[in-house]
Amino acid sequence: MKWIAALALTMTTGCENPSVGIGTSIGVGGASVTPVVAGSIGGVGVAVSP
């Protein structure tokens, strides 16, 4: 989980409109939650989710 925080900090220093969110999904095995880091770098939208 520490690498996600480091990635979020790195992305926010070089991108426009940074945001951190939560992605959810429901499947056969149950519900799962994953962090999502998104923003724009050079006018291109970028999202990272493990």
Protein backbone atom coordinates (compact mmCIF):
# COMPACT_ATOMS: atom_id res chain seq x y z
CA MET A 1 0.00 0.00 0.00
CA LYS A 2 2.98 2.32 0.53
CA TRP A 3 3.83 2.20 -3.17
CA ILE A 4 0.34 3.47 -4.01
CA ALA A 5 0.88 6.49 -1.77
CA ALA A 6 4.28 7.10 -3.37
CA LEU A 7 2.78 6.80 -6.85
CA ALA A 8 -0.03 9.22 -5.96
CA LEU A 9 2.46 11.77 -4.64
CA THR A 10 4.65 11.42 -7.73
CA MET A 11 1.71 11.79 -10.11
CA THR A 12 0.30 14.84 -8.36
CA THR A 13 3.55 16.76 -8.71
CA GLY A 14 3.63 16.47 -12.51
CA CYS A 15 0.01 16.37 -13.61
CA GLU A 16 -3.04 18.55 -13.97
CA ASN A 17 -6.32 17.76 -12.21
CA PRO A 18 -4.97 14.99 -9.95
CA SER A 19 -7.51 12.82 -8.16
CA VAL A 20 -7.58 9.75 -5.97
CA GLY A 21 -10.63 7.52 -5.93
CA ILE A 22 -11.94 4.08 -5.16
CA GLY A 23 -12.93 1.47 -7.73
CA THR A 24 -15.41 -1.18 -6.69
CA SER A 25 -16.44 -4.43 -8.33
CA ILE A 26 -18.79 -7.24 -7.43
CA GLY A 27 -18.12 -10.76 -8.68
CA VAL A 28 -18.68 -14.38 -7.84
CA GLY A 29 -16.15 -14.19 -5.02
CA GLY A 30 -17.78 -11.12 -3.45
CA ALA A 31 -17.10 -7.39 -3.50
CA SER A 32 -13.65 -5.85 -3.90
CA VAL A 33 -12.34 -2.31 -3.55
CA THR A 34 -9.21 -0.95 -5.25
CA PRO A 35 -7.61 2.51 -5.14
CA VAL A 36 -7.43 4.56 -8.35
CA VAL A 37 -5.09 7.49 -9.05
CA ALA A 38 -5.94 9.65 -12.08
CA GLY A 39 -4.91 12.91 -13.72
CA SER A 40 -3.76 14.57 -16.95
CA ILE A 41 -0.16 14.65 -18.07
CA GLY A 42 0.51 16.79 -21.14
CA GLY A 43 -3.19 16.82 -22.02
CA VAL A 44 -3.48 13.03 -21.93
CA GLY A 45 -5.68 11.37 -19.29
CA VAL A 46 -3.87 8.81 -17.16
CA ALA A 47 -5.35 6.43 -14.56
CA VAL A 48 -3.49 3.86 -12.49
CA SER A 49 -5.15 1.05 -10.55
CA PRO A 50 -3.34 -2.00 -9.17
